[in-house]
């Protein structure tokens, strides 16, 4: 009996030891805080959740990804600084935000009517220019991992917008980009730089009169509930760059970096594949809400928008860089 008790004791001790060892082994060696501004359920948010799933699966639990959506961890103006300080490891900011870091070249993406379609855009983001821009980011301690799409922007306000002249005198929310600032001034509007998370409240309270957004942002942030008119100008592009802290990235083992890169690529393909379908669903939902009148400009009216905004390219050439702009035109 005493021998049996000893055997049971050692068996229990062995099980506890193995369980404790397994628990220790299961603890991730790398924790990634991934902060972003998108609402839950949008293509970007779904893609980041897919990245989390793939990254954790492919590294066999060596990596854990903690996702913080909808600006719950950091707002627009804080997140890039937090990344550089190492307080967060991954972000997916809009391309316009890099201008605030002094990287003016990224504002090429803000030029109005630059990209005819997504195929043209891909020739830039997946080509030499895209990699050149990521190389410039590294000077700021940031590693670029991928470009993700979010669609083309439209103008909204609480008064009808049909032609460029309708923008005169309106206070329009923009991101902190000098190109976007010049774009609005060229139209006679008054640009107001504001965080994405503050936009809807500012529109509702009348701090600003209007904004520019792709369909998914207009719908997910409920801008359609506080803006009576939407004009489908498709005048500018809005995209994201998935980025990480370079020091953090360089310290990762090579096999983990490879797994994370593949996971970012696969998640990016998911994001991009959802954009057209989800944008169409968003526009349909906005239309059915009856809260926002959607106006589709005629061919002649679209020409007015293009004629009014194309001079912004020349005005911003010295800021973006003449050589870079020339290369972009060539690749397009």
C-alpha atoms as a PDB file:
ATOM      1  CA  UNK A   1       0.000   0.000   0.000  1.00  0.00           C
ATOM      2  CA  UNK A   2       2.825   2.378   0.928  1.00  0.00           C
ATOM      3  CA  UNK A   3       4.570   1.519  -2.362  1.00  0.00           C
ATOM      4  CA  UNK A   4       1.360   2.196  -4.273  1.00  0.00           C
ATOM      5  CA  UNK A   5       0.998   5.605  -2.606  1.00  0.00           C
ATOM      6  CA  UNK A   6       4.594   6.454  -3.558  1.00  0.00           C
ATOM      7  CA  UNK A   7       3.962   5.420  -7.171  1.00  0.00           C
ATOM      8  CA  UNK A   8       0.799   7.568  -7.296  1.00  0.00           C
ATOM      9  CA  UNK A   9       2.695  10.511  -5.761  1.00  0.00           C
ATOM     10  CA  UNK A  10       5.502  10.296  -8.299  1.00  0.00           C
ATOM     11  CA  UNK A  11       2.987   9.863 -11.136  1.00  0.00           C
ATOM     12  CA  UNK A  12       1.090  13.014 -10.082  1.00  0.00           C
ATOM     13  CA  UNK A  13       4.370  14.901  -9.696  1.00  0.00           C
ATOM     14  CA  UNK A  14       5.444  13.795 -13.173  1.00  0.00           C
ATOM     15  CA  UNK A  15       2.125  14.904 -14.728  1.00  0.00           C
ATOM     16  CA  UNK A  16       2.345  18.286 -12.982  1.00  0.00           C
ATOM     17  CA  UNK A  17       5.939  18.757 -14.138  1.00  0.00           C
ATOM     18  CA  UNK A  18       5.096  17.901 -17.733  1.00  0.00           C
ATOM     19  CA  UNK A  19       2.030  20.180 -17.663  1.00  0.00           C
ATOM     20  CA  UNK A  20       4.062  23.036 -16.217  1.00  0.00           C
ATOM     21  CA  UNK A  21       6.750  22.492 -18.844  1.00  0.00           C
ATOM     22  CA  UNK A  22       4.141  22.481 -21.609  1.00  0.00           C
ATOM     23  CA  UNK A  23       2.646  25.719 -20.275  1.00  0.00           C
ATOM     24  CA  UNK A  24       6.072  27.329 -20.334  1.00  0.00           C
ATOM     25  CA  UNK A  25       6.714  26.034 -23.860  1.00  0.00           C
ATOM     26  CA  UNK A  26       3.342  27.373 -24.995  1.00  0.00           C
ATOM     27  CA  UNK A  27       4.179  30.905 -23.879  1.00  0.00           C
ATOM     28  CA  UNK A  28       4.959  33.026 -26.977  1.00  0.00           C
ATOM     29  CA  UNK A  29       8.489  34.328 -27.316  1.00  0.00           C
ATOM     30  CA  UNK A  30       7.277  37.297 -29.390  1.00  0.00           C
ATOM     31  CA  UNK A  31       4.258  39.500 -28.635  1.00  0.00           C
ATOM     32  CA  UNK A  32       3.107  41.911 -31.330  1.00  0.00           C
ATOM     33  CA  UNK A  33       0.766  44.762 -30.486  1.00  0.00           C
ATOM     34  CA  UNK A  34      -1.012  45.653 -33.735  1.00  0.00           C
ATOM     35  CA  UNK A  35      -2.904  48.956 -33.493  1.00  0.00           C
ATOM     36  CA  UNK A  36      -5.152  50.283 -36.247  1.00  0.00           C
ATOM     37  CA  UNK A  37      -7.943  52.809 -36.837  1.00  0.00           C
ATOM     38  CA  UNK A  38     -10.394  50.705 -38.876  1.00  0.00           C
ATOM     39  CA  UNK A  39     -13.779  49.628 -37.578  1.00  0.00           C
ATOM     40  CA  UNK A  40     -14.338  45.956 -36.806  1.00  0.00           C
ATOM     41  CA  UNK A  41     -15.722  44.061 -39.803  1.00  0.00           C
ATOM     42  CA  UNK A  42     -14.104  46.207 -42.499  1.00  0.00           C
ATOM     43  CA  UNK A  43     -11.710  44.526 -44.984  1.00  0.00           C
ATOM     44  CA  UNK A  44      -8.692  46.030 -43.221  1.00  0.00           C
ATOM     45  CA  UNK A  45      -9.851  44.785 -39.828  1.00  0.00           C
ATOM     46  CA  UNK A  46     -10.655  41.325 -41.212  1.00  0.00           C
ATOM     47  CA  UNK A  47      -7.257  41.170 -42.916  1.00  0.00           C
ATOM     48  CA  UNK A  48      -5.442  42.049 -39.689  1.00  0.00           C
ATOM     49  CA  UNK A  49      -7.357  39.323 -37.858  1.00  0.00           C
ATOM     50  CA  UNK A  50      -6.337  36.927 -40.650  1.00  0.00           C
ATOM     51  CA  UNK A  51      -2.720  38.008 -40.205  1.00  0.00           C
ATOM     52  CA  UNK A  52      -3.015  37.247 -36.493  1.00  0.00           C
ATOM     53  CA  UNK A  53      -4.390  33.769 -37.220  1.00  0.00           C
ATOM     54  CA  UNK A  54      -1.763  32.936 -39.833  1.00  0.00           C
ATOM     55  CA  UNK A  55       1.160  34.376 -37.867  1.00  0.00           C
ATOM     56  CA  UNK A  56       0.307  32.455 -34.717  1.00  0.00           C
ATOM     57  CA  UNK A  57      -0.346  29.259 -36.666  1.00  0.00           C
ATOM     58  CA  UNK A  58       2.783  29.395 -38.833  1.00  0.00           C
ATOM     59  CA  UNK A  59       5.102  30.170 -35.925  1.00  0.00           C
ATOM     60  CA  UNK A  60       3.511  27.361 -33.875  1.00  0.00           C
ATOM     61  CA  UNK A  61       2.688  29.690 -31.019  1.00  0.00           C
ATOM     62  CA  UNK A  62       6.048  31.431 -30.866  1.00  0.00           C
ATOM     63  CA  UNK A  63       4.276  34.660 -31.839  1.00  0.00           C
ATOM     64  CA  UNK A  64       1.145  36.159 -30.307  1.00  0.00           C
ATOM     65  CA  UNK A  65      -0.571  39.067 -32.048  1.00  0.00           C
ATOM     66  CA  UNK A  66      -2.734  41.369 -29.906  1.00  0.00           C
ATOM     67  CA  UNK A  67      -5.009  43.450 -32.155  1.00  0.00           C
ATOM     68  CA  UNK A  68      -6.347  46.866 -31.096  1.00  0.00           C
ATOM     69  CA  UNK A  69      -8.931  48.110 -33.663  1.00  0.00           C
ATOM     70  CA  UNK A  70     -10.799  51.390 -34.116  1.00  0.00           C
ATOM     71  CA  UNK A  71      -8.100  53.592 -32.482  1.00  0.00           C
ATOM     72  CA  UNK A  72      -8.666  51.966 -29.076  1.00  0.00           C
ATOM     73  CA  UNK A  73      -4.938  51.960 -28.282  1.00  0.00           C
ATOM     74  CA  UNK A  74      -3.565  54.973 -30.168  1.00  0.00           C
ATOM     75  CA  UNK A  75      -5.125  57.749 -32.221  1.00  0.00           C
ATOM     76  CA  UNK A  76      -3.807  58.915 -35.605  1.00  0.00           C
ATOM     77  CA  UNK A  77      -1.449  61.528 -34.201  1.00  0.00           C
ATOM     78  CA  UNK A  78       0.019  59.196 -31.574  1.00  0.00           C
ATOM     79  CA  UNK A  79       0.505  55.870 -33.299  1.00  0.00           C
ATOM     80  CA  UNK A  80       3.586  56.576 -35.431  1.00  0.00           C
ATOM     81  CA  UNK A  81       5.450  58.009 -32.441  1.00  0.00           C
ATOM     82  CA  UNK A  82       4.393  54.983 -30.378  1.00  0.00           C
ATOM     83  CA  UNK A  83       5.777  52.679 -33.077  1.00  0.00           C
ATOM     84  CA  UNK A  84       9.114  54.487 -33.213  1.00  0.00           C
ATOM     85  CA  UNK A  85       9.379  54.302 -29.411  1.00  0.00           C
ATOM     86  CA  UNK A  86       8.598  50.570 -29.455  1.00  0.00           C
ATOM     87  CA  UNK A  87       5.353  50.893 -27.466  1.00  0.00           C
ATOM     88  CA  UNK A  88       3.548  49.140 -30.328  1.00  0.00           C
ATOM     89  CA  UNK A  89       5.078  46.791 -32.883  1.00  0.00           C
ATOM     90  CA  UNK A  90       2.794  47.016 -35.931  1.00  0.00           C
ATOM     91  CA  UNK A  91       0.509  49.584 -37.548  1.00  0.00           C
ATOM     92  CA  UNK A  92      -1.387  49.964 -40.816  1.00  0.00           C
ATOM     93  CA  UNK A  93      -1.615  53.766 -41.245  1.00  0.00           C
ATOM     94  CA  UNK A  94      -2.801  55.554 -44.343  1.00  0.00           C
ATOM     95  CA  UNK A  95      -0.018  56.540 -46.714  1.00  0.00           C
ATOM     96  CA  UNK A  96      -0.788  60.227 -46.140  1.00  0.00           C
ATOM     97  CA  UNK A  97       0.490  60.062 -42.557  1.00  0.00           C
ATOM     98  CA  UNK A  98       4.132  59.644 -43.521  1.00  0.00           C
ATOM     99  CA  UNK A  99       4.343  63.250 -44.678  1.00  0.00           C
ATOM    100  CA  UNK A 100       4.098  64.315 -41.028  1.00  0.00           C
ATOM    101  CA  UNK A 101       7.346  62.388 -40.386  1.00  0.00           C
ATOM    102  CA  UNK A 102       9.087  64.477 -43.005  1.00  0.00           C
ATOM    103  CA  UNK A 103       8.861  61.766 -45.669  1.00  0.00           C
ATOM    104  CA  UNK A 104       7.263  63.936 -48.321  1.00  0.00           C
ATOM    105  CA  UNK A 105       7.669  61.374 -51.090  1.00  0.00           C
ATOM    106  CA  UNK A 106       4.726  59.331 -49.790  1.00  0.00           C
ATOM    107  CA  UNK A 107       2.414  62.249 -50.558  1.00  0.00           C
ATOM    108  CA  UNK A 108       2.638  61.207 -54.210  1.00  0.00           C
ATOM    109  CA  UNK A 109      -0.261  58.874 -53.399  1.00  0.00           C
ATOM    110  CA  UNK A 110      -2.373  61.917 -52.467  1.00  0.00           C
ATOM    111  CA  UNK A 111      -2.144  63.546 -55.895  1.00  0.00           C
ATOM    112  CA  UNK A 112      -5.624  63.873 -57.410  1.00  0.00           C
ATOM    113  CA  UNK A 113      -6.537  61.738 -60.408  1.00  0.00           C
ATOM    114  CA  UNK A 114      -3.123  60.061 -60.487  1.00  0.00           C
ATOM    115  CA  UNK A 115      -4.315  56.450 -60.730  1.00  0.00           C
ATOM    116  CA  UNK A 116      -6.805  55.435 -63.414  1.00  0.00           C
ATOM    117  CA  UNK A 117      -7.599  52.158 -61.638  1.00  0.00           C
ATOM    118  CA  UNK A 118      -6.165  49.595 -59.227  1.00  0.00           C
ATOM    119  CA  UNK A 119      -4.078  47.956 -61.950  1.00  0.00           C
ATOM    120  CA  UNK A 120      -2.253  51.266 -62.419  1.00  0.00           C
ATOM    121  CA  UNK A 121      -1.845  51.596 -58.662  1.00  0.00           C
ATOM    122  CA  UNK A 122      -0.305  48.122 -58.425  1.00  0.00           C
ATOM    123  CA  UNK A 123       2.398  49.101 -60.904  1.00  0.00           C
ATOM    124  CA  UNK A 124       3.576  51.618 -58.309  1.00  0.00           C
ATOM    125  CA  UNK A 125       3.070  49.762 -55.017  1.00  0.00           C
ATOM    126  CA  UNK A 126       4.448  46.450 -56.328  1.00  0.00           C
ATOM    127  CA  UNK A 127       7.185  47.998 -58.438  1.00  0.00           C
ATOM    128  CA  UNK A 128      10.485  49.822 -57.857  1.00  0.00           C
ATOM    129  CA  UNK A 129       8.810  53.005 -56.585  1.00  0.00           C
ATOM    130  CA  UNK A 130       6.986  51.132 -53.835  1.00  0.00           C
ATOM    131  CA  UNK A 131      10.212  49.520 -52.641  1.00  0.00           C
ATOM    132  CA  UNK A 132      12.095  52.817 -52.925  1.00  0.00           C
ATOM    133  CA  UNK A 133       9.566  54.470 -50.629  1.00  0.00           C
ATOM    134  CA  UNK A 134       9.848  51.663 -48.083  1.00  0.00           C
ATOM    135  CA  UNK A 135      13.622  52.165 -48.190  1.00  0.00           C
ATOM    136  CA  UNK A 136      13.144  55.820 -47.217  1.00  0.00           C
ATOM    137  CA  UNK A 137      10.974  54.736 -44.273  1.00  0.00           C
ATOM    138  CA  UNK A 138      13.880  52.808 -42.778  1.00  0.00           C
ATOM    139  CA  UNK A 139      15.694  56.093 -42.174  1.00  0.00           C
ATOM    140  CA  UNK A 140      12.982  56.801 -39.590  1.00  0.00           C
ATOM    141  CA  UNK A 141      13.345  53.414 -37.892  1.00  0.00           C
ATOM    142  CA  UNK A 142      10.323  51.949 -39.679  1.00  0.00           C
ATOM    143  CA  UNK A 143      10.180  48.784 -41.779  1.00  0.00           C
ATOM    144  CA  UNK A 144       7.546  48.592 -44.529  1.00  0.00           C
ATOM    145  CA  UNK A 145       5.935  45.169 -44.945  1.00  0.00           C
ATOM    146  CA  UNK A 146       3.171  45.691 -47.480  1.00  0.00           C
ATOM    147  CA  UNK A 147       0.739  48.025 -49.229  1.00  0.00           C
ATOM    148  CA  UNK A 148      -2.989  47.414 -48.682  1.00  0.00           C
ATOM    149  CA  UNK A 149      -5.847  48.991 -50.622  1.00  0.00           C
ATOM    150  CA  UNK A 150      -8.868  50.954 -49.357  1.00  0.00           C
ATOM    151  CA  UNK A 151     -10.382  52.469 -52.499  1.00  0.00           C
ATOM    152  CA  UNK A 152     -10.964  55.854 -54.094  1.00  0.00           C
ATOM    153  CA  UNK A 153     -12.313  58.917 -52.320  1.00  0.00           C
ATOM    154  CA  UNK A 154     -15.506  60.944 -52.753  1.00  0.00           C
ATOM    155  CA  UNK A 155     -16.515  64.403 -51.530  1.00  0.00           C
ATOM    156  CA  UNK A 156     -19.286  64.911 -48.989  1.00  0.00           C
ATOM    157  CA  UNK A 157     -20.997  67.881 -47.353  1.00  0.00           C
ATOM    158  CA  UNK A 158     -24.355  69.070 -46.022  1.00  0.00           C
ATOM    159  CA  UNK A 159     -25.010  70.971 -49.238  1.00  0.00           C
ATOM    160  CA  UNK A 160     -25.225  69.566 -52.762  1.00  0.00           C
ATOM    161  CA  UNK A 161     -21.853  69.035 -54.460  1.00  0.00           C
ATOM    162  CA  UNK A 162     -21.923  68.649 -58.221  1.00  0.00           C
ATOM    163  CA  UNK A 163     -18.969  70.582 -59.644  1.00  0.00           C
ATOM    164  CA  UNK A 164     -15.711  71.986 -58.201  1.00  0.00           C
ATOM    165  CA  UNK A 165     -17.243  75.423 -57.643  1.00  0.00           C
ATOM    166  CA  UNK A 166     -19.576  73.882 -55.045  1.00  0.00           C
ATOM    167  CA  UNK A 167     -16.588  73.341 -52.741  1.00  0.00           C
ATOM    168  CA  UNK A 168     -15.828  77.033 -52.311  1.00  0.00           C
ATOM    169  CA  UNK A 169     -15.839  78.220 -48.717  1.00  0.00           C
ATOM    170  CA  UNK A 170     -16.459  74.785 -47.195  1.00  0.00           C
ATOM    171  CA  UNK A 171     -14.394  73.614 -44.220  1.00  0.00           C
ATOM    172  CA  UNK A 172     -13.224  70.139 -45.237  1.00  0.00           C
ATOM    173  CA  UNK A 173     -11.585  67.574 -42.956  1.00  0.00           C
ATOM    174  CA  UNK A 174      -8.328  66.206 -44.366  1.00  0.00           C
ATOM    175  CA  UNK A 175      -5.367  64.172 -43.211  1.00  0.00           C
ATOM    176  CA  UNK A 176      -2.099  65.938 -42.443  1.00  0.00           C
ATOM    177  CA  UNK A 177      -0.818  66.012 -46.012  1.00  0.00           C
ATOM    178  CA  UNK A 178       0.391  69.170 -47.772  1.00  0.00           C
ATOM    179  CA  UNK A 179      -0.846  67.728 -51.077  1.00  0.00           C
ATOM    180  CA  UNK A 180      -4.356  67.303 -49.662  1.00  0.00           C
ATOM    181  CA  UNK A 181      -4.129  70.796 -48.198  1.00  0.00           C
ATOM    182  CA  UNK A 182      -3.237  72.219 -51.618  1.00  0.00           C
ATOM    183  CA  UNK A 183      -5.967  70.148 -53.255  1.00  0.00           C
ATOM    184  CA  UNK A 184      -8.655  71.713 -51.086  1.00  0.00           C
ATOM    185  CA  UNK A 185      -7.253  75.221 -51.444  1.00  0.00           C
ATOM    186  CA  UNK A 186      -7.201  74.795 -55.219  1.00  0.00           C
ATOM    187  CA  UNK A 187     -10.937  74.052 -55.019  1.00  0.00           C
ATOM    188  CA  UNK A 188     -11.507  77.137 -52.852  1.00  0.00           C
ATOM    189  CA  UNK A 189     -12.234  75.054 -49.734  1.00  0.00           C
ATOM    190  CA  UNK A 190     -10.694  75.498 -46.283  1.00  0.00           C
ATOM    191  CA  UNK A 191      -8.746  72.351 -45.273  1.00  0.00           C
ATOM    192  CA  UNK A 192      -8.941  71.272 -41.633  1.00  0.00           C
ATOM    193  CA  UNK A 193      -6.442  68.633 -40.455  1.00  0.00           C
ATOM    194  CA  UNK A 194      -8.142  66.216 -38.066  1.00  0.00           C
ATOM    195  CA  UNK A 195      -7.727  62.671 -36.746  1.00  0.00           C
ATOM    196  CA  UNK A 196      -9.836  59.961 -38.368  1.00  0.00           C
ATOM    197  CA  UNK A 197     -11.366  59.058 -35.001  1.00  0.00           C
ATOM    198  CA  UNK A 198     -12.557  62.656 -34.512  1.00  0.00           C
ATOM    199  CA  UNK A 199     -14.049  63.124 -37.978  1.00  0.00           C
ATOM    200  CA  UNK A 200     -17.658  61.979 -37.480  1.00  0.00           C
ATOM    201  CA  UNK A 201     -18.145  64.037 -34.317  1.00  0.00           C
ATOM    202  CA  UNK A 202     -16.661  67.111 -35.994  1.00  0.00           C
ATOM    203  CA  UNK A 203     -19.026  66.701 -38.948  1.00  0.00           C
ATOM    204  CA  UNK A 204     -22.003  66.225 -36.647  1.00  0.00           C
ATOM    205  CA  UNK A 205     -21.199  69.280 -34.542  1.00  0.00           C
ATOM    206  CA  UNK A 206     -20.474  71.496 -37.555  1.00  0.00           C
ATOM    207  CA  UNK A 207     -16.799  72.051 -36.722  1.00  0.00           C
ATOM    208  CA  UNK A 208     -16.229  71.035 -40.340  1.00  0.00           C
ATOM    209  CA  UNK A 209     -18.673  71.064 -43.252  1.00  0.00           C
ATOM    210  CA  UNK A 210     -17.487  68.049 -45.179  1.00  0.00           C
ATOM    211  CA  UNK A 211     -14.825  65.443 -45.820  1.00  0.00           C
ATOM    212  CA  UNK A 212     -13.302  63.142 -48.399  1.00  0.00           C
ATOM    213  CA  UNK A 213     -13.628  59.398 -47.881  1.00  0.00           C
ATOM    214  CA  UNK A 214     -13.758  56.113 -49.774  1.00  0.00           C
ATOM    215  CA  UNK A 215     -17.094  54.248 -49.464  1.00  0.00           C
ATOM    216  CA  UNK A 216     -15.961  51.946 -46.666  1.00  0.00           C
ATOM    217  CA  UNK A 217     -14.843  54.807 -44.412  1.00  0.00           C
ATOM    218  CA  UNK A 218     -17.964  56.824 -45.204  1.00  0.00           C
ATOM    219  CA  UNK A 219     -20.111  53.875 -44.115  1.00  0.00           C
ATOM    220  CA  UNK A 220     -18.121  52.281 -41.267  1.00  0.00           C
ATOM    221  CA  UNK A 221     -17.580  55.602 -39.473  1.00  0.00           C
ATOM    222  CA  UNK A 222     -21.275  56.456 -39.970  1.00  0.00           C
ATOM    223  CA  UNK A 223     -20.465  59.634 -41.861  1.00  0.00           C
ATOM    224  CA  UNK A 224     -23.622  58.987 -43.904  1.00  0.00           C
ATOM    225  CA  UNK A 225     -25.646  59.730 -40.755  1.00  0.00           C
ATOM    226  CA  UNK A 226     -24.252  63.273 -40.486  1.00  0.00           C
ATOM    227  CA  UNK A 227     -23.697  64.231 -44.166  1.00  0.00           C
ATOM    228  CA  UNK A 228     -26.627  64.876 -46.478  1.00  0.00           C
ATOM    229  CA  UNK A 229     -24.776  64.855 -49.794  1.00  0.00           C
ATOM    230  CA  UNK A 230     -22.123  62.640 -51.372  1.00  0.00           C
ATOM    231  CA  UNK A 231     -20.525  63.208 -54.769  1.00  0.00           C
ATOM    232  CA  UNK A 232     -18.818  60.202 -56.425  1.00  0.00           C
ATOM    233  CA  UNK A 233     -15.770  62.105 -57.660  1.00  0.00           C
ATOM    234  CA  UNK A 234     -13.240  59.254 -57.177  1.00  0.00           C
ATOM    235  CA  UNK A 235     -10.694  62.063 -57.169  1.00  0.00           C
ATOM    236  CA  UNK A 236      -8.047  60.544 -54.926  1.00  0.00           C
ATOM    237  CA  UNK A 237      -6.704  57.275 -53.595  1.00  0.00           C
ATOM    238  CA  UNK A 238      -6.582  56.041 -50.014  1.00  0.00           C
ATOM    239  CA  UNK A 239      -4.310  53.144 -49.115  1.00  0.00           C
ATOM    240  CA  UNK A 240      -2.426  51.740 -46.149  1.00  0.00           C
ATOM    241  CA  UNK A 241       1.096  50.563 -45.448  1.00  0.00           C
ATOM    242  CA  UNK A 242       1.599  47.755 -42.963  1.00  0.00           C
ATOM    243  CA  UNK A 243       4.679  48.756 -40.990  1.00  0.00           C
ATOM    244  CA  UNK A 244       6.735  47.635 -38.010  1.00  0.00           C
ATOM    245  CA  UNK A 245       9.439  48.996 -35.737  1.00  0.00           C
ATOM    246  CA  UNK A 246      12.730  48.262 -37.540  1.00  0.00           C
ATOM    247  CA  UNK A 247      14.735  47.508 -34.383  1.00  0.00           C
ATOM    248  CA  UNK A 248      12.066  45.052 -33.274  1.00  0.00           C
ATOM    249  CA  UNK A 249      11.996  43.451 -36.721  1.00  0.00           C
ATOM    250  CA  UNK A 250      15.754  43.098 -37.058  1.00  0.00           C
ATOM    251  CA  UNK A 251      15.976  41.259 -33.728  1.00  0.00           C
ATOM    252  CA  UNK A 252      13.495  38.576 -34.775  1.00  0.00           C
ATOM    253  CA  UNK A 253      14.835  35.164 -35.810  1.00  0.00           C
ATOM    254  CA  UNK A 254      14.939  34.701 -39.593  1.00  0.00           C
ATOM    255  CA  UNK A 255      12.315  31.924 -39.587  1.00  0.00           C
ATOM    256  CA  UNK A 256       9.841  34.098 -37.694  1.00  0.00           C
ATOM    257  CA  UNK A 257      10.415  37.047 -40.045  1.00  0.00           C
ATOM    258  CA  UNK A 258       9.747  34.771 -43.024  1.00  0.00           C
ATOM    259  CA  UNK A 259       6.514  33.478 -41.484  1.00  0.00           C
ATOM    260  CA  UNK A 260       5.335  37.005 -40.665  1.00  0.00           C
ATOM    261  CA  UNK A 261       6.140  38.309 -44.162  1.00  0.00           C
ATOM    262  CA  UNK A 262       4.162  35.503 -45.774  1.00  0.00           C
ATOM    263  CA  UNK A 263       1.269  36.099 -43.390  1.00  0.00           C
ATOM    264  CA  UNK A 264       1.240  39.842 -44.205  1.00  0.00           C
ATOM    265  CA  UNK A 265       1.203  39.056 -47.951  1.00  0.00           C
ATOM    266  CA  UNK A 266      -1.658  36.575 -47.613  1.00  0.00           C
ATOM    267  CA  UNK A 267      -3.666  38.899 -45.356  1.00  0.00           C
ATOM    268  CA  UNK A 268      -3.075  41.746 -47.815  1.00  0.00           C
ATOM    269  CA  UNK A 269      -4.511  39.673 -50.658  1.00  0.00           C
ATOM    270  CA  UNK A 270      -7.593  39.048 -48.540  1.00  0.00           C
ATOM    271  CA  UNK A 271      -7.963  42.786 -47.852  1.00  0.00           C
ATOM    272  CA  UNK A 272      -7.604  43.738 -51.510  1.00  0.00           C
ATOM    273  CA  UNK A 273      -9.994  41.016 -52.679  1.00  0.00           C
ATOM    274  CA  UNK A 274     -12.733  42.360 -50.400  1.00  0.00           C
ATOM    275  CA  UNK A 275     -12.484  46.047 -51.322  1.00  0.00           C
ATOM    276  CA  UNK A 276     -14.675  46.184 -54.440  1.00  0.00           C
ATOM    277  CA  UNK A 277     -17.405  43.920 -53.052  1.00  0.00           C
ATOM    278  CA  UNK A 278     -17.551  45.595 -49.654  1.00  0.00           C
ATOM    279  CA  UNK A 279     -17.383  49.101 -51.173  1.00  0.00           C
ATOM    280  CA  UNK A 280     -20.380  48.265 -53.369  1.00  0.00           C
ATOM    281  CA  UNK A 281     -22.265  46.916 -50.330  1.00  0.00           C
ATOM    282  CA  UNK A 282     -21.411  50.079 -48.386  1.00  0.00           C
ATOM    283  CA  UNK A 283     -22.713  52.320 -51.163  1.00  0.00           C
ATOM    284  CA  UNK A 284     -25.905  50.271 -51.376  1.00  0.00           C
ATOM    285  CA  UNK A 285     -26.422  50.530 -47.614  1.00  0.00           C
ATOM    286  CA  UNK A 286     -25.840  54.303 -47.720  1.00  0.00           C
ATOM    287  CA  UNK A 287     -28.355  54.635 -50.548  1.00  0.00           C
ATOM    288  CA  UNK A 288     -30.960  52.532 -48.727  1.00  0.00           C
ATOM    289  CA  UNK A 289     -30.524  54.513 -45.507  1.00  0.00           C
ATOM    290  CA  UNK A 290     -32.080  57.532 -47.214  1.00  0.00           C
ATOM    291  CA  UNK A 291     -29.893  59.813 -45.099  1.00  0.00           C
ATOM    292  CA  UNK A 292     -27.405  60.772 -47.801  1.00  0.00           C
ATOM    293  CA  UNK A 293     -28.153  61.736 -51.387  1.00  0.00           C
ATOM    294  CA  UNK A 294     -25.558  60.141 -53.697  1.00  0.00           C
ATOM    295  CA  UNK A 295     -24.716  62.095 -56.831  1.00  0.00           C
ATOM    296  CA  UNK A 296     -22.908  60.561 -59.809  1.00  0.00           C
ATOM    297  CA  UNK A 297     -21.273  63.320 -61.884  1.00  0.00           C
ATOM    298  CA  UNK A 298     -21.681  63.230 -65.646  1.00  0.00           C
ATOM    299  CA  UNK A 299     -18.664  62.792 -67.919  1.00  0.00           C
ATOM    300  CA  UNK A 300     -18.610  66.547 -68.502  1.00  0.00           C
ATOM    301  CA  UNK A 301     -18.724  67.243 -64.760  1.00  0.00           C
ATOM    302  CA  UNK A 302     -15.931  64.764 -64.052  1.00  0.00           C
ATOM    303  CA  UNK A 303     -13.829  66.585 -66.629  1.00  0.00           C
ATOM    304  CA  UNK A 304     -14.388  69.788 -64.656  1.00  0.00           C
ATOM    305  CA  UNK A 305     -13.100  68.070 -61.507  1.00  0.00           C
ATOM    306  CA  UNK A 306     -10.019  66.748 -63.302  1.00  0.00           C
ATOM    307  CA  UNK A 307      -9.278  70.069 -64.989  1.00  0.00           C
ATOM    308  CA  UNK A 308      -9.570  71.847 -61.642  1.00  0.00           C
ATOM    309  CA  UNK A 309      -7.357  69.430 -59.709  1.00  0.00           C
ATOM    310  CA  UNK A 310      -4.618  68.320 -62.107  1.00  0.00           C
ATOM    311  CA  UNK A 311      -2.654  71.583 -61.593  1.00  0.00           C
ATOM    312  CA  UNK A 312      -1.988  70.328 -58.038  1.00  0.00           C
ATOM    313  CA  UNK A 313       0.553  67.913 -59.550  1.00  0.00           C
ATOM    314  CA  UNK A 314       2.754  70.758 -60.798  1.00  0.00           C
ATOM    315  CA  UNK A 315       2.316  72.771 -57.608  1.00  0.00           C
ATOM    316  CA  UNK A 316       3.506  69.840 -55.477  1.00  0.00           C
ATOM    317  CA  UNK A 317       6.312  68.665 -57.759  1.00  0.00           C
ATOM    318  CA  UNK A 318       9.074  70.309 -55.718  1.00  0.00           C
ATOM    319  CA  UNK A 319       7.699  68.886 -52.459  1.00  0.00           C
ATOM    320  CA  UNK A 320       7.327  65.294 -53.671  1.00  0.00           C
ATOM    321  CA  UNK A 321      10.419  65.333 -55.871  1.00  0.00           C
ATOM    322  CA  UNK A 322      10.536  65.863 -59.631  1.00  0.00           C
ATOM    323  CA  UNK A 323      12.545  62.668 -60.255  1.00  0.00           C
ATOM    324  CA  UNK A 324      10.183  60.511 -58.218  1.00  0.00           C
ATOM    325  CA  UNK A 325       7.145  62.006 -59.928  1.00  0.00           C
ATOM    326  CA  UNK A 326       8.717  61.459 -63.330  1.00  0.00           C
ATOM    327  CA  UNK A 327       9.339  57.794 -62.457  1.00  0.00           C
ATOM    328  CA  UNK A 328       5.737  57.387 -61.300  1.00  0.00           C
ATOM    329  CA  UNK A 329       4.384  58.868 -64.536  1.00  0.00           C
ATOM    330  CA  UNK A 330       6.683  56.555 -66.498  1.00  0.00           C
ATOM    331  CA  UNK A 331       5.574  53.443 -64.588  1.00  0.00           C
ATOM    332  CA  UNK A 332       1.940  54.403 -65.030  1.00  0.00           C
END
